[in-house]
Each structure stands twice: as structure tokens, then as C-alpha cells.
């Protein structure tokens, strides 16, 4: 019983350290296997290594599903795109009701600063993807943008619109 309490306390303490993000609280399944932490990805339907960036990614997925009301079936995680013959991976794409790309998300670890380089990265990916909205997050700070392709700029928003609020 003491061993079980110790295990539960250790996992609870780890969970508390990992949970300091600027998102609503989401109950995300975490397990320990061979002294390595894993988190369940509901989109990819598998356990993935729990890194700080993955913690942000999984909280962002939950934010899109729970807060913004995107169906799980409209999300794609860690897909590949090719830019100038170089393969790159995006973090999350959310599709609208017509299955057109609605939101492109770039996730960074909570200790990563969101710099011009990160904005340049998502802008480069979006040249290929042509998303309507962009989200950049390190779990602490979130940036939301709406693309204006006619004027070739992005407009900062306070938040993303809800999936169901869009007329599509």
C-alpha cells in the first residue's frame, strides 16, 4: 500500500508540474512505462512519449475539441508536408465542415519563446497549406491569426472562432 501511495504521489507531483499551462484543465491520461512517461493521443489513438512539447500539443488538441468544439474526426496531428524538397512536420491541422484546412497550429514547449522565427516557420508551412487561421502556442502564450490572402497579411485575434459558429 505504501508503494502504491508513493507511486500515486510521484505521478501526481509530475502531473502538477506538467499542468502549469494557460488552458482550461483537461484530464489527460498519462502512464509510466519503464521509467518513461507517456500520454495518450486521442487523435492518433496511441500512447506517445510525454515531452514538454507533447504536453502542449495534447492540451491544444483538448482545447480545440472541448473549448472550440472541433470534432476529433476534423483534426490531424503531426502530418508531413514537403517544402522545396524538404520534408517538414506540422503539429496540428483542423478541418472545417467542408474538409478544407481551417486552422494550422504550431506548438512549442512551455520554455520556448515565441519569436519571429516561430511566426516565420508557421508562415512558411502555411504557404503550402493555405489555412484560414493560425495558432501558435507554447501552452503559456497563445497567438491567433486570421489570414487575409487578398491583402497578403494576417490579422491578430483574441481567440479562434468556434467550429460551429462558422457559416460553412
Protein backbone atom coordinates (compact mmCIF):
# COMPACT_ATOMS: atom_id res chain seq x y z
CA UNK A 1 0.00 0.00 0.00
CA UNK A 2 2.85 2.41 0.79
CA UNK A 3 4.40 1.62 -2.59
CA UNK A 4 1.10 2.39 -4.31
CA UNK A 5 0.74 5.67 -2.39
CA UNK A 6 4.32 6.60 -3.31
CA UNK A 7 3.65 5.83 -6.99
CA UNK A 8 0.42 7.84 -6.97
CA UNK A 9 2.07 10.78 -5.20
CA UNK A 10 5.02 10.77 -7.62
CA UNK A 11 2.69 10.74 -10.65
CA UNK A 12 0.51 13.44 -9.08
CA UNK A 13 3.54 15.66 -8.49
CA UNK A 14 4.71 15.11 -12.08
CA UNK A 15 1.20 15.87 -13.31
CA UNK A 16 1.13 19.14 -11.32
CA UNK A 17 4.47 20.26 -12.76
CA UNK A 18 3.34 19.44 -16.30
CA UNK A 19 -0.07 21.05 -15.80
CA UNK A 20 1.00 24.70 -15.50
CA UNK A 21 -0.37 25.81 -18.85
CA UNK A 22 -2.71 28.60 -19.85
CA UNK A 23 -5.55 26.28 -20.91
CA UNK A 24 -8.64 25.09 -19.09
CA UNK A 25 -8.00 21.95 -17.05
CA UNK A 26 -8.19 18.81 -19.21
CA UNK A 27 -7.93 15.34 -17.73
CA UNK A 28 -5.35 13.69 -19.97
CA UNK A 29 -4.30 10.05 -19.50
CA UNK A 30 -0.65 9.63 -18.53
CA UNK A 31 1.17 6.39 -17.80
CA UNK A 32 4.63 5.39 -16.70
CA UNK A 33 6.34 2.52 -18.51
CA UNK A 34 9.95 1.53 -17.81
CA UNK A 35 10.66 4.88 -16.11
CA UNK A 36 9.35 6.77 -19.13
CA UNK A 37 6.16 8.85 -19.18
CA UNK A 38 3.58 8.52 -21.94
CA UNK A 39 0.41 10.43 -22.76
CA UNK A 40 -2.48 9.09 -24.79
CA UNK A 41 -3.13 10.90 -28.06
CA UNK A 42 -6.85 10.59 -28.82
CA UNK A 43 -6.39 11.62 -32.44
CA UNK A 44 -3.56 9.22 -33.32
CA UNK A 45 -5.12 6.65 -30.93
CA UNK A 46 -1.80 5.69 -29.35
CA UNK A 47 0.48 6.38 -26.40
CA UNK A 48 3.25 8.87 -27.21
CA UNK A 49 6.28 9.93 -25.19
CA UNK A 50 5.39 12.74 -22.82
CA UNK A 51 7.70 15.65 -23.58
CA UNK A 52 7.02 19.29 -22.72
CA UNK A 53 6.05 19.99 -26.35
CA UNK A 54 3.78 16.92 -26.42
CA UNK A 55 2.09 18.14 -23.21
CA UNK A 56 1.34 21.43 -25.00
CA UNK A 57 0.17 19.59 -28.15
CA UNK A 58 -2.22 17.34 -26.20
CA UNK A 59 -3.63 20.28 -24.25
CA UNK A 60 -4.07 22.17 -27.53
CA UNK A 61 -5.94 19.21 -29.03
CA UNK A 62 -8.20 19.15 -25.98
CA UNK A 63 -8.70 22.91 -26.29
CA UNK A 64 -9.78 22.53 -29.94
CA UNK A 65 -12.17 19.68 -29.07
CA UNK A 66 -13.57 20.84 -25.74
CA UNK A 67 -13.45 24.64 -26.00
CA UNK A 68 -13.68 25.25 -29.75
CA UNK A 69 -15.95 22.23 -30.44
CA UNK A 70 -13.96 20.68 -33.29
CA UNK A 71 -14.92 17.03 -33.78
CA UNK A 72 -11.98 14.65 -33.30
CA UNK A 73 -12.53 13.48 -36.87
CA UNK A 74 -11.65 17.00 -38.10
CA UNK A 75 -8.18 17.04 -36.51
CA UNK A 76 -4.90 15.73 -37.88
CA UNK A 77 -1.74 15.56 -35.77
CA UNK A 78 1.90 15.62 -36.88
CA UNK A 79 1.38 15.40 -40.59
CA UNK A 80 4.07 15.77 -43.18
CA UNK A 81 4.44 18.42 -45.85
CA UNK A 82 7.18 18.97 -48.41
CA UNK A 83 8.69 22.42 -48.85
CA UNK A 84 11.35 22.82 -51.55
CA UNK A 85 12.04 19.07 -51.50
CA UNK A 86 12.48 19.14 -47.70
CA UNK A 87 10.06 17.16 -45.54
CA UNK A 88 8.63 19.07 -42.59
CA UNK A 89 6.10 18.16 -39.91
CA UNK A 90 3.28 20.36 -38.72
CA UNK A 91 1.77 19.90 -35.26
CA UNK A 92 -2.00 20.09 -35.77
CA UNK A 93 -4.41 20.85 -38.58
CA UNK A 94 -8.14 21.37 -38.01
CA UNK A 95 -10.54 20.98 -40.92
CA UNK A 96 -13.79 22.88 -41.41
CA UNK A 97 -17.16 21.37 -42.32
CA UNK A 98 -16.14 21.14 -46.00
CA UNK A 99 -12.90 19.36 -45.00
CA UNK A 100 -10.88 22.38 -46.05
CA UNK A 101 -7.97 23.35 -43.82
CA UNK A 102 -9.30 25.75 -41.23
CA UNK A 103 -6.58 26.04 -38.55
CA UNK A 104 -2.85 25.35 -38.66
CA UNK A 105 -1.32 25.03 -35.18
CA UNK A 106 2.32 25.24 -34.19
CA UNK A 107 3.13 24.01 -30.67
CA UNK A 108 6.30 24.73 -28.74
CA UNK A 109 7.41 23.65 -25.27
CA UNK A 110 6.44 25.97 -22.39
CA UNK A 111 10.06 27.11 -22.02
CA UNK A 112 10.35 28.07 -25.71
CA UNK A 113 9.92 31.71 -26.54
CA UNK A 114 7.53 32.51 -29.34
CA UNK A 115 9.76 34.55 -31.58
CA UNK A 116 9.73 35.92 -35.11
CA UNK A 117 11.39 32.65 -36.14
CA UNK A 118 8.30 30.70 -34.97
CA UNK A 119 5.99 33.04 -36.89
CA UNK A 120 8.23 32.63 -39.95
CA UNK A 121 8.02 28.84 -39.55
CA UNK A 122 4.22 28.71 -39.45
CA UNK A 123 4.01 31.26 -42.30
CA UNK A 124 6.30 29.06 -44.42
CA UNK A 125 4.19 25.97 -43.67
CA UNK A 126 1.07 27.94 -44.49
CA UNK A 127 2.38 28.80 -47.96
CA UNK A 128 1.83 25.11 -48.70
CA UNK A 129 -1.25 24.51 -46.50
CA UNK A 130 -3.29 27.74 -47.02
CA UNK A 131 -5.12 27.65 -43.69
CA UNK A 132 -7.76 30.23 -42.81
CA UNK A 133 -6.46 30.61 -39.24
CA UNK A 134 -3.12 30.17 -37.49
CA UNK A 135 -2.48 29.34 -33.84
CA UNK A 136 0.93 29.45 -32.21
CA UNK A 137 1.26 28.32 -28.61
CA UNK A 138 3.80 27.31 -26.02
CA UNK A 139 0.98 26.50 -23.63
CA UNK A 140 1.54 29.72 -21.73
CA UNK A 141 1.10 32.27 -24.52
CA UNK A 142 -1.26 31.75 -27.44
CA UNK A 143 -1.36 33.74 -30.65
CA UNK A 144 -4.30 33.53 -33.04
CA UNK A 145 -4.37 34.96 -36.54
CA UNK A 146 -6.83 35.09 -39.38
CA UNK A 147 -5.33 35.04 -42.85
CA UNK A 148 -6.21 37.72 -45.38
CA UNK A 149 -4.87 36.31 -48.63
CA UNK A 150 -6.07 39.25 -50.76
CA UNK A 151 -4.03 41.74 -48.72
CA UNK A 152 -1.27 39.18 -48.04
CA UNK A 153 -1.30 39.63 -44.26
CA UNK A 154 -2.58 38.08 -41.09
CA UNK A 155 -4.84 39.74 -38.55
CA UNK A 156 -4.31 39.01 -34.87
CA UNK A 157 -7.36 37.75 -32.99
CA UNK A 158 -8.12 37.34 -29.28
CA UNK A 159 -9.18 33.73 -29.86
CA UNK A 160 -10.20 31.29 -32.58
CA UNK A 161 -13.86 31.19 -33.57
CA UNK A 162 -15.78 28.09 -32.52
CA UNK A 163 -16.17 25.32 -35.07
CA UNK A 164 -19.98 25.61 -35.00
CA UNK A 165 -20.03 29.41 -35.25
CA UNK A 166 -18.63 29.42 -38.77
CA UNK A 167 -21.03 29.55 -41.68
CA UNK A 168 -19.74 26.77 -43.87
